[in-house]
Amino acid sequence: MGEAVFAAAACATEAAQPQAVIVATAGTTFTSYIKAVQSTAARPTYYGFSVASMDVIHRELKDKARGIILAQIMPSLRNTTVPVVAEYLALLRANLLAPSLRPRSSRDSCMRG
């Protein structure tokens, strides 16, 4: 998507003056929209889903990422204190789930090896 699309979405958001916006996307689409809105007078609270990578959000928005709220749909694979995560990662490492799968961070777009 080009900048014009995000600028138009930002203008529509500014005109609506919402208290909150649910951003149901991920990657740089998520951050490009927020950057565009932040360039206007609108100041909604942003909500998103855990598929919106915190790594990408922090890299793209830096300090302007403060206040973004993400719903954690699945446990983070980084939190190995959660029993199901620890078990899942152990099975992946032992190649008991599928030899072509291996654990990766949220910076990767998929779990395929």
N, C-alpha and C. Protein backbone atom coordinates (compact mmCIF):
# COMPACT_ATOMS: atom_id res chain seq x y z
N MET A 1 0.85 -1.18 0.00
CA MET A 1 0.00 0.00 0.00
C MET A 1 0.88 1.23 0.00
N GLY A 2 0.43 2.24 -0.71
CA GLY A 2 1.19 3.47 -0.78
C GLY A 2 0.82 4.45 0.32
N GLU A 3 1.66 5.48 0.43
CA GLU A 3 1.44 6.50 1.46
C GLU A 3 0.09 7.20 1.30
N ALA A 4 -0.39 7.34 0.07
CA ALA A 4 -1.67 8.02 -0.17
C ALA A 4 -2.83 7.28 0.51
N VAL A 5 -2.76 5.96 0.52
CA VAL A 5 -3.80 5.15 1.16
C VAL A 5 -3.81 5.42 2.67
N PHE A 6 -2.62 5.45 3.27
CA PHE A 6 -2.53 5.69 4.71
C PHE A 6 -2.91 7.13 5.05
N ALA A 7 -2.55 8.07 4.20
CA ALA A 7 -2.92 9.47 4.41
C ALA A 7 -4.44 9.64 4.37
N ALA A 8 -5.08 8.97 3.44
CA ALA A 8 -6.54 9.04 3.33
C ALA A 8 -7.21 8.41 4.56
N ALA A 9 -6.67 7.28 4.99
CA ALA A 9 -7.22 6.63 6.19
C ALA A 9 -7.01 7.51 7.41
N ALA A 10 -5.87 8.17 7.49
CA ALA A 10 -5.59 9.06 8.62
C ALA A 10 -6.54 10.26 8.61
N CYS A 11 -6.81 10.81 7.44
CA CYS A 11 -7.75 11.94 7.35
C CYS A 11 -9.16 11.51 7.77
N ALA A 12 -9.57 10.32 7.37
CA ALA A 12 -10.89 9.82 7.76
C ALA A 12 -10.94 9.59 9.27
N THR A 13 -9.85 9.10 9.83
CA THR A 13 -9.78 8.88 11.28
C THR A 13 -9.84 10.23 12.00
N GLU A 14 -9.11 11.20 11.52
CA GLU A 14 -9.12 12.52 12.14
C GLU A 14 -10.51 13.14 12.09
N ALA A 15 -11.20 12.99 10.96
CA ALA A 15 -12.56 13.54 10.83
C ALA A 15 -13.53 12.88 11.80
N ALA A 16 -13.35 11.58 12.04
CA ALA A 16 -14.25 10.85 12.94
C ALA A 16 -13.95 11.12 14.41
N GLN A 17 -12.71 11.50 14.73
CA GLN A 17 -12.26 11.75 16.11
C GLN A 17 -12.67 10.61 17.06
N PRO A 18 -12.31 9.37 16.73
CA PRO A 18 -12.66 8.25 17.62
C PRO A 18 -11.82 8.26 18.89
N GLN A 19 -12.38 7.70 19.95
CA GLN A 19 -11.62 7.53 21.18
C GLN A 19 -10.64 6.37 21.04
N ALA A 20 -11.03 5.38 20.24
CA ALA A 20 -10.19 4.19 20.06
C ALA A 20 -10.33 3.68 18.63
N VAL A 21 -9.27 3.01 18.17
CA VAL A 21 -9.26 2.39 16.85
C VAL A 21 -8.73 0.98 17.01
N ILE A 22 -9.46 0.00 16.47
CA ILE A 22 -8.99 -1.37 16.44
C ILE A 22 -8.31 -1.58 15.10
N VAL A 23 -7.02 -1.85 15.14
CA VAL A 23 -6.22 -2.03 13.93
C VAL A 23 -6.03 -3.53 13.73
N ALA A 24 -6.80 -4.10 12.83
CA ALA A 24 -6.80 -5.55 12.64
C ALA A 24 -5.89 -5.94 11.49
N THR A 25 -4.62 -5.64 11.63
CA THR A 25 -3.62 -5.99 10.63
C THR A 25 -2.29 -6.16 11.33
N ALA A 26 -1.26 -6.43 10.59
CA ALA A 26 0.06 -6.66 11.20
C ALA A 26 1.15 -6.07 10.32
N GLY A 27 2.37 -6.23 10.78
CA GLY A 27 3.52 -5.79 10.01
C GLY A 27 3.57 -4.28 9.85
N THR A 28 4.13 -3.85 8.74
CA THR A 28 4.28 -2.41 8.53
C THR A 28 2.97 -1.74 8.13
N THR A 29 1.95 -2.52 7.75
CA THR A 29 0.64 -1.92 7.52
C THR A 29 0.12 -1.33 8.83
N PHE A 30 0.29 -2.05 9.92
CA PHE A 30 -0.12 -1.60 11.25
C PHE A 30 0.58 -0.29 11.59
N THR A 31 1.90 -0.28 11.47
CA THR A 31 2.68 0.89 11.88
C THR A 31 2.54 2.05 10.90
N SER A 32 2.37 1.77 9.62
CA SER A 32 2.20 2.86 8.65
C SER A 32 0.90 3.62 8.90
N TYR A 33 -0.16 2.88 9.23
CA TYR A 33 -1.43 3.53 9.55
C TYR A 33 -1.27 4.41 10.80
N ILE A 34 -0.66 3.86 11.84
CA ILE A 34 -0.50 4.62 13.08
C ILE A 34 0.37 5.85 12.86
N LYS A 35 1.45 5.72 12.11
CA LYS A 35 2.30 6.88 11.79
C LYS A 35 1.48 7.97 11.09
N ALA A 36 0.66 7.55 10.13
CA ALA A 36 -0.16 8.51 9.39
C ALA A 36 -1.14 9.23 10.31
N VAL A 37 -1.79 8.50 11.19
CA VAL A 37 -2.75 9.12 12.12
C VAL A 37 -2.01 10.03 13.10
N GLN A 38 -0.84 9.62 13.54
CA GLN A 38 -0.07 10.45 14.47
C GLN A 38 0.37 11.77 13.84
N SER A 39 0.34 11.87 12.52
CA SER A 39 0.69 13.12 11.86
C SER A 39 -0.51 14.08 11.78
N THR A 40 -1.66 13.65 12.29
CA THR A 40 -2.86 14.49 12.33
C THR A 40 -3.12 14.93 13.77
N ALA A 41 -4.24 15.61 13.98
CA ALA A 41 -4.62 16.04 15.32
C ALA A 41 -5.32 14.94 16.11
N ALA A 42 -5.69 13.84 15.44
CA ALA A 42 -6.39 12.74 16.11
C ALA A 42 -5.45 12.04 17.10
N ARG A 43 -5.97 11.66 18.24
CA ARG A 43 -5.18 10.96 19.26
C ARG A 43 -5.98 9.81 19.87
N PRO A 44 -6.37 8.83 19.02
CA PRO A 44 -7.11 7.69 19.58
C PRO A 44 -6.18 6.74 20.30
N THR A 45 -6.77 5.87 21.09
CA THR A 45 -6.03 4.74 21.65
C THR A 45 -6.09 3.64 20.59
N TYR A 46 -4.96 2.96 20.37
CA TYR A 46 -4.90 1.91 19.36
C TYR A 46 -4.95 0.54 20.01
N TYR A 47 -5.79 -0.32 19.46
CA TYR A 47 -5.88 -1.71 19.89
C TYR A 47 -5.54 -2.60 18.70
N GLY A 48 -4.85 -3.68 18.96
CA GLY A 48 -4.51 -4.62 17.90
C GLY A 48 -4.44 -6.02 18.46
N PHE A 49 -4.10 -6.94 17.61
CA PHE A 49 -3.99 -8.35 17.99
C PHE A 49 -2.52 -8.75 18.06
N SER A 50 -2.24 -9.84 18.73
CA SER A 50 -0.86 -10.24 18.94
C SER A 50 -0.11 -10.57 17.66
N VAL A 51 -0.80 -10.73 16.54
CA VAL A 51 -0.10 -10.94 15.27
C VAL A 51 0.67 -9.70 14.85
N ALA A 52 0.33 -8.57 15.43
CA ALA A 52 1.08 -7.34 15.19
C ALA A 52 2.35 -7.43 16.04
N SER A 53 3.43 -7.72 15.42
CA SER A 53 4.70 -7.98 16.11
C SER A 53 5.19 -6.78 16.90
N MET A 54 5.44 -6.99 18.18
CA MET A 54 6.00 -5.91 19.01
C MET A 54 7.38 -5.51 18.49
N ASP A 55 8.10 -6.43 17.91
CA ASP A 55 9.41 -6.10 17.34
C ASP A 55 9.26 -5.07 16.22
N VAL A 56 8.31 -5.30 15.33
CA VAL A 56 8.07 -4.37 14.22
C VAL A 56 7.54 -3.04 14.75
N ILE A 57 6.61 -3.10 15.69
CA ILE A 57 6.04 -1.87 16.25
C ILE A 57 7.12 -1.02 16.89
N HIS A 58 7.96 -1.62 17.70
CA HIS A 58 9.04 -0.87 18.35
C HIS A 58 10.05 -0.34 17.35
N ARG A 59 10.40 -1.16 16.36
CA ARG A 59 11.37 -0.73 15.36
C ARG A 59 10.85 0.46 14.55
N GLU A 60 9.58 0.40 14.18
CA GLU A 60 9.01 1.42 13.30
C GLU A 60 8.55 2.68 14.04
N LEU A 61 8.01 2.52 15.24
CA LEU A 61 7.42 3.66 15.95
C LEU A 61 8.27 4.20 17.10
N LYS A 62 9.20 3.40 17.55
CA LYS A 62 10.07 3.78 18.67
C LYS A 62 9.25 4.28 19.86
N ASP A 63 9.53 5.47 20.40
CA ASP A 63 8.81 5.99 21.57
C ASP A 63 7.33 6.25 21.29
N LYS A 64 6.98 6.43 20.04
CA LYS A 64 5.57 6.69 19.70
C LYS A 64 4.72 5.42 19.75
N ALA A 65 5.33 4.30 20.08
CA ALA A 65 4.58 3.05 20.23
C ALA A 65 3.89 2.98 21.59
N ARG A 66 4.29 3.85 22.50
CA ARG A 66 3.72 3.84 23.86
C ARG A 66 2.20 3.99 23.81
N GLY A 67 1.52 3.12 24.55
CA GLY A 67 0.06 3.20 24.63
C GLY A 67 -0.68 2.26 23.70
N ILE A 68 0.01 1.62 22.77
CA ILE A 68 -0.65 0.65 21.89
C ILE A 68 -0.96 -0.59 22.72
N ILE A 69 -2.18 -1.06 22.59
CA ILE A 69 -2.64 -2.21 23.37
C ILE A 69 -2.86 -3.38 22.42
N LEU A 70 -2.19 -4.50 22.71
CA LEU A 70 -2.35 -5.70 21.89
C LEU A 70 -2.97 -6.82 22.72
N ALA A 71 -3.96 -7.47 22.14
CA ALA A 71 -4.57 -8.64 22.78
C ALA A 71 -3.70 -9.85 22.47
N GLN A 72 -3.25 -10.54 23.49
CA GLN A 72 -2.42 -11.73 23.29
C GLN A 72 -3.35 -12.91 23.06
N ILE A 73 -3.49 -13.31 21.82
CA ILE A 73 -4.41 -14.38 21.46
C ILE A 73 -3.85 -15.74 21.86
N MET A 74 -2.58 -15.92 21.65
CA MET A 74 -1.90 -17.16 22.02
C MET A 74 -0.76 -16.79 22.96
N PRO A 75 -0.31 -17.72 23.79
CA PRO A 75 0.84 -17.39 24.64
C PRO A 75 2.06 -17.07 23.79
N SER A 76 2.84 -16.13 24.23
CA SER A 76 4.07 -15.79 23.52
C SER A 76 5.05 -16.94 23.57
N LEU A 77 5.68 -17.24 22.44
CA LEU A 77 6.69 -18.30 22.40
C LEU A 77 7.95 -17.90 23.15
N ARG A 78 8.04 -16.65 23.54
CA ARG A 78 9.18 -16.18 24.34
C ARG A 78 9.02 -16.49 25.82
N ASN A 79 7.78 -16.73 26.24
CA ASN A 79 7.52 -16.96 27.66
C ASN A 79 7.55 -18.45 27.98
N THR A 80 8.73 -18.96 28.22
CA THR A 80 8.88 -20.40 28.46
C THR A 80 8.45 -20.83 29.86
N THR A 81 7.99 -19.89 30.69
CA THR A 81 7.45 -20.27 32.00
C THR A 81 6.02 -20.78 31.88
N VAL A 82 5.38 -20.55 30.74
CA VAL A 82 4.04 -21.09 30.50
C VAL A 82 4.21 -22.54 30.07
N PRO A 83 3.63 -23.48 30.82
CA PRO A 83 3.87 -24.91 30.54
C PRO A 83 3.61 -25.33 29.11
N VAL A 84 2.54 -24.87 28.49
CA VAL A 84 2.24 -25.30 27.13
C VAL A 84 3.30 -24.79 26.15
N VAL A 85 3.85 -23.61 26.40
CA VAL A 85 4.91 -23.06 25.54
C VAL A 85 6.18 -23.89 25.70
N ALA A 86 6.56 -24.17 26.92
CA ALA A 86 7.76 -24.98 27.17
C ALA A 86 7.63 -26.35 26.51
N GLU A 87 6.47 -26.97 26.66
CA GLU A 87 6.26 -28.30 26.07
C GLU A 87 6.30 -28.23 24.54
N TYR A 88 5.63 -27.24 23.98
CA TYR A 88 5.60 -27.06 22.53
C TYR A 88 7.02 -26.87 21.97
N LEU A 89 7.79 -25.98 22.59
CA LEU A 89 9.15 -25.72 22.12
C LEU A 89 10.04 -26.95 22.27
N ALA A 90 9.87 -27.70 23.35
CA ALA A 90 10.65 -28.93 23.54
C ALA A 90 10.32 -29.95 22.45
N LEU A 91 9.05 -30.07 22.11
CA LEU A 91 8.66 -31.00 21.05
C LEU A 91 9.20 -30.56 19.70
N LEU A 92 9.18 -29.25 19.44
CA LEU A 92 9.73 -28.75 18.19
C LEU A 92 11.23 -29.03 18.11
N ARG A 93 11.93 -28.73 19.18
CA ARG A 93 13.39 -28.94 19.20
C ARG A 93 13.75 -30.42 19.03
N ALA A 94 12.90 -31.29 19.54
CA ALA A 94 13.15 -32.73 19.43
C ALA A 94 12.64 -33.29 18.09
N ASN A 95 12.08 -32.41 17.25
CA ASN A 95 11.52 -32.81 15.94
C ASN A 95 10.41 -33.83 16.08
N LEU A 96 9.66 -33.76 17.18
CA LEU A 96 8.56 -34.71 17.38
C LEU A 96 7.25 -34.22 16.77
N LEU A 97 7.15 -32.93 16.47
CA LEU A 97 5.93 -32.43 15.85
C LEU A 97 6.00 -32.54 14.34
N ALA A 98 7.07 -32.03 13.77
CA ALA A 98 7.28 -32.10 12.33
C ALA A 98 8.72 -31.70 12.05
N PRO A 99 9.44 -32.49 11.33
CA PRO A 99 10.85 -32.18 11.07
C PRO A 99 11.08 -30.85 10.37
N SER A 100 10.09 -30.37 9.61
CA SER A 100 10.28 -29.12 8.87
C SER A 100 10.00 -27.88 9.71
N LEU A 101 9.52 -28.06 10.93
CA LEU A 101 9.22 -26.92 11.80
C LEU A 101 10.35 -26.70 12.78
N ARG A 102 10.60 -25.43 13.08
CA ARG A 102 11.56 -25.10 14.13
C ARG A 102 11.13 -23.80 14.78
N PRO A 103 11.44 -23.60 16.05
CA PRO A 103 11.01 -22.37 16.73
C PRO A 103 11.72 -21.15 16.18
N ARG A 104 10.98 -20.07 16.05
CA ARG A 104 11.52 -18.80 15.60
C ARG A 104 10.90 -17.68 16.42
N SER A 105 11.49 -16.52 16.36
CA SER A 105 10.95 -15.38 17.10
C SER A 105 9.82 -14.74 16.31
N SER A 106 9.15 -13.76 16.93
CA SER A 106 8.07 -13.06 16.26
C SER A 106 8.56 -12.21 15.10
N ARG A 107 9.87 -12.07 14.95
CA ARG A 107 10.43 -11.32 13.82
C ARG A 107 10.25 -12.08 12.52
N ASP A 108 10.04 -13.37 12.61
CA ASP A 108 9.86 -14.19 11.42
C ASP A 108 8.39 -14.26 11.07
N SER A 109 8.11 -14.38 9.80
CA SER A 109 6.72 -14.34 9.36
C SER A 109 6.00 -15.67 9.49
N CYS A 110 6.72 -16.77 9.67
CA CYS A 110 6.04 -18.06 9.80
C CYS A 110 6.95 -19.03 10.53
N MET A 111 6.43 -20.19 10.82
CA MET A 111 7.18 -21.21 11.56
C MET A 111 7.84 -22.23 10.64
N ARG A 112 7.69 -22.10 9.34
CA ARG A 112 8.29 -23.06 8.41
C ARG A 112 9.79 -22.87 8.35
N GLY A 113 10.54 -23.97 8.35
CA GLY A 113 12.00 -23.92 8.33
C GLY A 113 12.59 -23.90 6.95
